[in-house]
Amino acid sequence: MTAWFSYLALAGAIGCEVIGTTFLGKSEQFSKMLPTALMALCYAGSFYLLSLALKHVPLGVAYAIWGGVGIVLTAVIGVIVFKQRLDPVAIVGIGLIVTGVVLVQAFSTSTVH
């Protein structure tokens, strides 16, 4: 497995996690069976792909990217799908998360480039 594939697996893990979290919102506290089952499958897929990413990406870096990008995408889905509003403080906070992920990717010697 190459470093490139590890980052591809990380991207897949992020996608599965975001889709799973969207189904979590649609499950209505696990009362709807299909969204609940899809959520569980997506989360399992996310953790599997995250484990593959750890072959070349350090745990802390992978988890920071997985969590940070997942937060941003989930917030966007919350606005679009669930019609939720983000106040200015939430937007600034999410912006700081994005800044942190960019800094880690661009400048950290812990990452594989």
N, C-alpha and C. Protein backbone atom coordinates (compact mmCIF):
# COMPACT_ATOMS: atom_id res chain seq x y z
N MET A 1 0.86 -1.18 0.00
CA MET A 1 0.00 0.00 0.00
C MET A 1 0.90 1.24 0.00
N THR A 2 0.58 2.19 -0.84
CA THR A 2 1.36 3.41 -0.95
C THR A 2 0.76 4.51 -0.07
N ALA A 3 1.53 5.57 0.12
CA ALA A 3 1.02 6.72 0.88
C ALA A 3 -0.19 7.31 0.17
N TRP A 4 -0.16 7.32 -1.16
CA TRP A 4 -1.28 7.85 -1.93
C TRP A 4 -2.55 7.07 -1.62
N PHE A 5 -2.45 5.73 -1.58
CA PHE A 5 -3.61 4.90 -1.27
C PHE A 5 -4.09 5.15 0.15
N SER A 6 -3.16 5.40 1.08
CA SER A 6 -3.55 5.67 2.46
C SER A 6 -4.41 6.93 2.53
N TYR A 7 -4.04 7.96 1.78
CA TYR A 7 -4.84 9.18 1.78
C TYR A 7 -6.17 8.97 1.05
N LEU A 8 -6.19 8.12 0.06
CA LEU A 8 -7.45 7.77 -0.60
C LEU A 8 -8.36 7.03 0.38
N ALA A 9 -7.79 6.11 1.16
CA ALA A 9 -8.57 5.40 2.18
C ALA A 9 -9.08 6.38 3.23
N LEU A 10 -8.26 7.35 3.60
CA LEU A 10 -8.68 8.37 4.57
C LEU A 10 -9.84 9.19 4.02
N ALA A 11 -9.78 9.55 2.75
CA ALA A 11 -10.89 10.28 2.13
C ALA A 11 -12.17 9.43 2.14
N GLY A 12 -12.03 8.15 1.84
CA GLY A 12 -13.19 7.26 1.89
C GLY A 12 -13.75 7.14 3.30
N ALA A 13 -12.85 7.09 4.29
CA ALA A 13 -13.28 7.02 5.69
C ALA A 13 -14.07 8.27 6.07
N ILE A 14 -13.60 9.40 5.62
CA ILE A 14 -14.30 10.66 5.90
C ILE A 14 -15.68 10.65 5.24
N GLY A 15 -15.73 10.23 3.99
CA GLY A 15 -17.01 10.17 3.28
C GLY A 15 -18.00 9.24 3.97
N CYS A 16 -17.53 8.06 4.36
CA CYS A 16 -18.42 7.11 5.06
C CYS A 16 -18.91 7.68 6.39
N GLU A 17 -18.01 8.34 7.10
CA GLU A 17 -18.38 8.90 8.41
C GLU A 17 -19.43 9.99 8.25
N VAL A 18 -19.26 10.84 7.26
CA VAL A 18 -20.22 11.93 7.03
C VAL A 18 -21.57 11.37 6.59
N ILE A 19 -21.57 10.39 5.71
CA ILE A 19 -22.82 9.77 5.29
C ILE A 19 -23.48 9.07 6.47
N GLY A 20 -22.68 8.36 7.28
CA GLY A 20 -23.21 7.70 8.46
C GLY A 20 -23.83 8.67 9.44
N THR A 21 -23.19 9.81 9.64
CA THR A 21 -23.73 10.82 10.55
C THR A 21 -25.01 11.41 10.00
N THR A 22 -25.10 11.56 8.69
CA THR A 22 -26.34 12.03 8.08
C THR A 22 -27.47 11.03 8.33
N PHE A 23 -27.18 9.74 8.16
CA PHE A 23 -28.20 8.73 8.46
C PHE A 23 -28.54 8.70 9.95
N LEU A 24 -27.57 9.01 10.81
CA LEU A 24 -27.85 9.10 12.24
C LEU A 24 -28.93 10.15 12.49
N GLY A 25 -28.81 11.29 11.83
CA GLY A 25 -29.83 12.33 11.95
C GLY A 25 -31.17 11.90 11.42
N LYS A 26 -31.15 11.08 10.37
CA LYS A 26 -32.40 10.61 9.77
C LYS A 26 -33.02 9.43 10.52
N SER A 27 -32.25 8.82 11.43
CA SER A 27 -32.74 7.62 12.13
C SER A 27 -33.77 7.92 13.22
N GLU A 28 -33.89 9.21 13.57
CA GLU A 28 -34.82 9.64 14.61
C GLU A 28 -34.65 8.80 15.88
N GLN A 29 -33.44 8.94 16.47
CA GLN A 29 -33.07 8.24 17.71
C GLN A 29 -33.22 6.73 17.57
N PHE A 30 -32.77 6.19 16.44
CA PHE A 30 -32.77 4.76 16.14
C PHE A 30 -34.18 4.17 16.01
N SER A 31 -35.19 5.00 15.80
CA SER A 31 -36.56 4.48 15.66
C SER A 31 -36.88 4.07 14.22
N LYS A 32 -36.09 4.51 13.26
CA LYS A 32 -36.28 4.11 11.86
C LYS A 32 -35.17 3.12 11.49
N MET A 33 -35.58 1.92 11.13
CA MET A 33 -34.63 0.83 10.95
C MET A 33 -33.67 1.03 9.78
N LEU A 34 -34.14 1.46 8.61
CA LEU A 34 -33.26 1.58 7.46
C LEU A 34 -32.15 2.62 7.67
N PRO A 35 -32.49 3.85 8.09
CA PRO A 35 -31.40 4.79 8.34
C PRO A 35 -30.44 4.32 9.44
N THR A 36 -30.96 3.62 10.44
CA THR A 36 -30.11 3.12 11.51
C THR A 36 -29.14 2.07 10.98
N ALA A 37 -29.64 1.15 10.15
CA ALA A 37 -28.77 0.12 9.57
C ALA A 37 -27.73 0.72 8.63
N LEU A 38 -28.14 1.69 7.82
CA LEU A 38 -27.20 2.35 6.92
C LEU A 38 -26.14 3.12 7.70
N MET A 39 -26.54 3.75 8.79
CA MET A 39 -25.59 4.45 9.65
C MET A 39 -24.54 3.49 10.17
N ALA A 40 -24.97 2.34 10.68
CA ALA A 40 -24.03 1.36 11.23
C ALA A 40 -23.06 0.85 10.16
N LEU A 41 -23.56 0.59 8.96
CA LEU A 41 -22.70 0.13 7.87
C LEU A 41 -21.68 1.20 7.48
N CYS A 42 -22.14 2.43 7.41
CA CYS A 42 -21.23 3.53 7.05
C CYS A 42 -20.16 3.73 8.12
N TYR A 43 -20.53 3.68 9.38
CA TYR A 43 -19.54 3.82 10.45
C TYR A 43 -18.54 2.68 10.43
N ALA A 44 -19.02 1.45 10.21
CA ALA A 44 -18.10 0.30 10.13
C ALA A 44 -17.13 0.48 8.95
N GLY A 45 -17.66 0.91 7.81
CA GLY A 45 -16.81 1.17 6.65
C GLY A 45 -15.81 2.27 6.92
N SER A 46 -16.25 3.30 7.63
CA SER A 46 -15.37 4.41 7.95
C SER A 46 -14.20 3.96 8.81
N PHE A 47 -14.47 3.18 9.84
CA PHE A 47 -13.39 2.72 10.71
C PHE A 47 -12.46 1.75 10.00
N TYR A 48 -13.01 0.92 9.12
CA TYR A 48 -12.16 0.02 8.35
C TYR A 48 -11.21 0.81 7.45
N LEU A 49 -11.75 1.79 6.71
CA LEU A 49 -10.92 2.60 5.83
C LEU A 49 -9.92 3.43 6.62
N LEU A 50 -10.33 3.93 7.79
CA LEU A 50 -9.40 4.66 8.64
C LEU A 50 -8.25 3.75 9.07
N SER A 51 -8.54 2.50 9.37
CA SER A 51 -7.47 1.56 9.75
C SER A 51 -6.49 1.35 8.60
N LEU A 52 -6.99 1.33 7.37
CA LEU A 52 -6.11 1.20 6.21
C LEU A 52 -5.22 2.44 6.06
N ALA A 53 -5.80 3.60 6.31
CA ALA A 53 -5.04 4.85 6.19
C ALA A 53 -3.87 4.88 7.17
N LEU A 54 -4.02 4.21 8.29
CA LEU A 54 -2.98 4.25 9.32
C LEU A 54 -1.72 3.49 8.93
N LYS A 55 -1.71 2.83 7.78
CA LYS A 55 -0.49 2.17 7.30
C LYS A 55 0.61 3.20 7.03
N HIS A 56 0.22 4.39 6.54
CA HIS A 56 1.21 5.40 6.18
C HIS A 56 0.97 6.76 6.83
N VAL A 57 -0.18 6.98 7.40
CA VAL A 57 -0.49 8.27 8.01
C VAL A 57 -0.48 8.08 9.53
N PRO A 58 0.29 8.89 10.26
CA PRO A 58 0.32 8.75 11.72
C PRO A 58 -1.08 8.89 12.33
N LEU A 59 -1.33 8.16 13.39
CA LEU A 59 -2.65 8.12 14.02
C LEU A 59 -3.19 9.51 14.34
N GLY A 60 -2.41 10.33 15.02
CA GLY A 60 -2.88 11.66 15.41
C GLY A 60 -3.23 12.53 14.22
N VAL A 61 -2.41 12.45 13.19
CA VAL A 61 -2.64 13.25 11.97
C VAL A 61 -3.88 12.73 11.24
N ALA A 62 -3.98 11.42 11.09
CA ALA A 62 -5.14 10.84 10.40
C ALA A 62 -6.43 11.19 11.13
N TYR A 63 -6.40 11.07 12.45
CA TYR A 63 -7.61 11.35 13.23
C TYR A 63 -7.97 12.83 13.17
N ALA A 64 -6.96 13.70 13.18
CA ALA A 64 -7.22 15.14 13.09
C ALA A 64 -7.86 15.48 11.74
N ILE A 65 -7.34 14.91 10.68
CA ILE A 65 -7.91 15.17 9.35
C ILE A 65 -9.30 14.57 9.25
N TRP A 66 -9.45 13.33 9.69
CA TRP A 66 -10.75 12.64 9.65
C TRP A 66 -11.79 13.42 10.43
N GLY A 67 -11.44 13.82 11.64
CA GLY A 67 -12.39 14.56 12.48
C GLY A 67 -12.66 15.96 11.95
N GLY A 68 -11.59 16.68 11.57
CA GLY A 68 -11.75 18.06 11.12
C GLY A 68 -12.55 18.18 9.85
N VAL A 69 -12.20 17.40 8.84
CA VAL A 69 -12.93 17.45 7.57
C VAL A 69 -14.35 16.93 7.78
N GLY A 70 -14.49 15.91 8.61
CA GLY A 70 -15.83 15.38 8.91
C GLY A 70 -16.72 16.42 9.56
N ILE A 71 -16.16 17.20 10.48
CA ILE A 71 -16.93 18.26 11.15
C ILE A 71 -17.42 19.29 10.12
N VAL A 72 -16.52 19.71 9.25
CA VAL A 72 -16.88 20.73 8.26
C VAL A 72 -17.97 20.19 7.32
N LEU A 73 -17.77 19.00 6.79
CA LEU A 73 -18.76 18.44 5.86
C LEU A 73 -20.09 18.17 6.54
N THR A 74 -20.04 17.70 7.79
CA THR A 74 -21.28 17.46 8.52
C THR A 74 -22.02 18.77 8.80
N ALA A 75 -21.29 19.82 9.10
CA ALA A 75 -21.92 21.13 9.30
C ALA A 75 -22.59 21.61 8.03
N VAL A 76 -21.93 21.41 6.89
CA VAL A 76 -22.52 21.81 5.61
C VAL A 76 -23.79 21.00 5.34
N ILE A 77 -23.75 19.70 5.59
CA ILE A 77 -24.93 18.86 5.40
C ILE A 77 -26.04 19.28 6.36
N GLY A 78 -25.67 19.64 7.59
CA GLY A 78 -26.67 20.12 8.54
C GLY A 78 -27.41 21.34 8.01
N VAL A 79 -26.68 22.24 7.37
CA VAL A 79 -27.30 23.44 6.81
C VAL A 79 -28.17 23.08 5.61
N ILE A 80 -27.66 22.24 4.72
CA ILE A 80 -28.37 21.94 3.48
C ILE A 80 -29.52 20.95 3.70
N VAL A 81 -29.25 19.83 4.35
CA VAL A 81 -30.24 18.76 4.47
C VAL A 81 -31.22 19.00 5.62
N PHE A 82 -30.67 19.41 6.77
CA PHE A 82 -31.51 19.54 7.96
C PHE A 82 -31.96 20.98 8.23
N LYS A 83 -31.60 21.90 7.32
CA LYS A 83 -32.01 23.31 7.41
C LYS A 83 -31.59 23.95 8.74
N GLN A 84 -30.42 23.55 9.24
CA GLN A 84 -29.90 24.13 10.48
C GLN A 84 -29.13 25.40 10.15
N ARG A 85 -29.06 26.30 11.11
CA ARG A 85 -28.35 27.55 10.91
C ARG A 85 -27.08 27.55 11.74
N LEU A 86 -26.02 28.14 11.18
CA LEU A 86 -24.77 28.31 11.91
C LEU A 86 -24.62 29.77 12.28
N ASP A 87 -24.41 30.04 13.57
CA ASP A 87 -24.19 31.43 13.98
C ASP A 87 -22.73 31.80 13.71
N PRO A 88 -22.38 33.09 13.81
CA PRO A 88 -21.01 33.52 13.50
C PRO A 88 -19.94 32.80 14.33
N VAL A 89 -20.22 32.53 15.59
CA VAL A 89 -19.23 31.84 16.42
C VAL A 89 -18.97 30.43 15.89
N ALA A 90 -20.01 29.73 15.47
CA ALA A 90 -19.85 28.39 14.90
C ALA A 90 -19.03 28.44 13.61
N ILE A 91 -19.29 29.44 12.79
CA ILE A 91 -18.56 29.57 11.52
C ILE A 91 -17.08 29.85 11.78
N VAL A 92 -16.79 30.73 12.74
CA VAL A 92 -15.39 31.01 13.08
C VAL A 92 -14.72 29.75 13.64
N GLY A 93 -15.41 29.03 14.51
CA GLY A 93 -14.86 27.81 15.07
C GLY A 93 -14.55 26.77 14.01
N ILE A 94 -15.47 26.60 13.07
CA ILE A 94 -15.25 25.65 11.98
C ILE A 94 -14.08 26.13 11.11
N GLY A 95 -13.99 27.43 10.90
CA GLY A 95 -12.87 27.99 10.14
C GLY A 95 -11.53 27.71 10.82
N LEU A 96 -11.50 27.76 12.14
CA LEU A 96 -10.28 27.44 12.87
C LEU A 96 -9.91 25.96 12.72
N ILE A 97 -10.92 25.10 12.68
CA ILE A 97 -10.66 23.68 12.46
C ILE A 97 -10.05 23.46 11.08
N VAL A 98 -10.61 24.12 10.07
CA VAL A 98 -10.07 24.01 8.71
C VAL A 98 -8.63 24.51 8.68
N THR A 99 -8.38 25.64 9.33
CA THR A 99 -7.02 26.18 9.40
C THR A 99 -6.06 25.18 10.03
N GLY A 100 -6.49 24.53 11.09
CA GLY A 100 -5.65 23.54 11.75
C GLY A 100 -5.32 22.37 10.84
N VAL A 101 -6.31 21.88 10.13
CA VAL A 101 -6.08 20.74 9.22
C VAL A 101 -5.12 21.16 8.11
N VAL A 102 -5.31 22.35 7.56
CA VAL A 102 -4.42 22.84 6.50
C VAL A 102 -2.99 22.98 7.02
N LEU A 103 -2.82 23.53 8.22
CA LEU A 103 -1.49 23.68 8.80
C LEU A 103 -0.81 22.33 8.99
N VAL A 104 -1.54 21.36 9.49
CA VAL A 104 -0.97 20.03 9.70
C VAL A 104 -0.55 19.43 8.36
N GLN A 105 -1.41 19.52 7.37
CA GLN A 105 -1.11 18.94 6.06
C GLN A 105 0.05 19.65 5.37
N ALA A 106 0.07 20.95 5.46
CA ALA A 106 1.04 21.72 4.70
C ALA A 106 2.43 21.79 5.36
N PHE A 107 2.45 21.84 6.68
CA PHE A 107 3.71 22.15 7.34
C PHE A 107 4.23 21.12 8.34
N SER A 108 3.41 20.19 8.76
CA SER A 108 3.85 19.24 9.77
C SER A 108 4.80 18.22 9.16
N THR A 109 5.86 17.92 9.88
CA THR A 109 6.77 16.87 9.42
C THR A 109 6.25 15.50 9.84
N SER A 110 5.12 15.44 10.54
CA SER A 110 4.53 14.18 10.94
C SER A 110 3.75 13.53 9.82
N THR A 111 3.38 14.29 8.79
CA THR A 111 2.56 13.75 7.71
C THR A 111 3.43 13.19 6.60
N VAL A 112 2.85 12.32 5.81
CA VAL A 112 3.52 11.74 4.65
C VAL A 112 3.09 12.54 3.44
N HIS A 113 4.04 13.15 2.76
CA HIS A 113 3.73 13.97 1.57
C HIS A 113 4.18 13.29 0.31
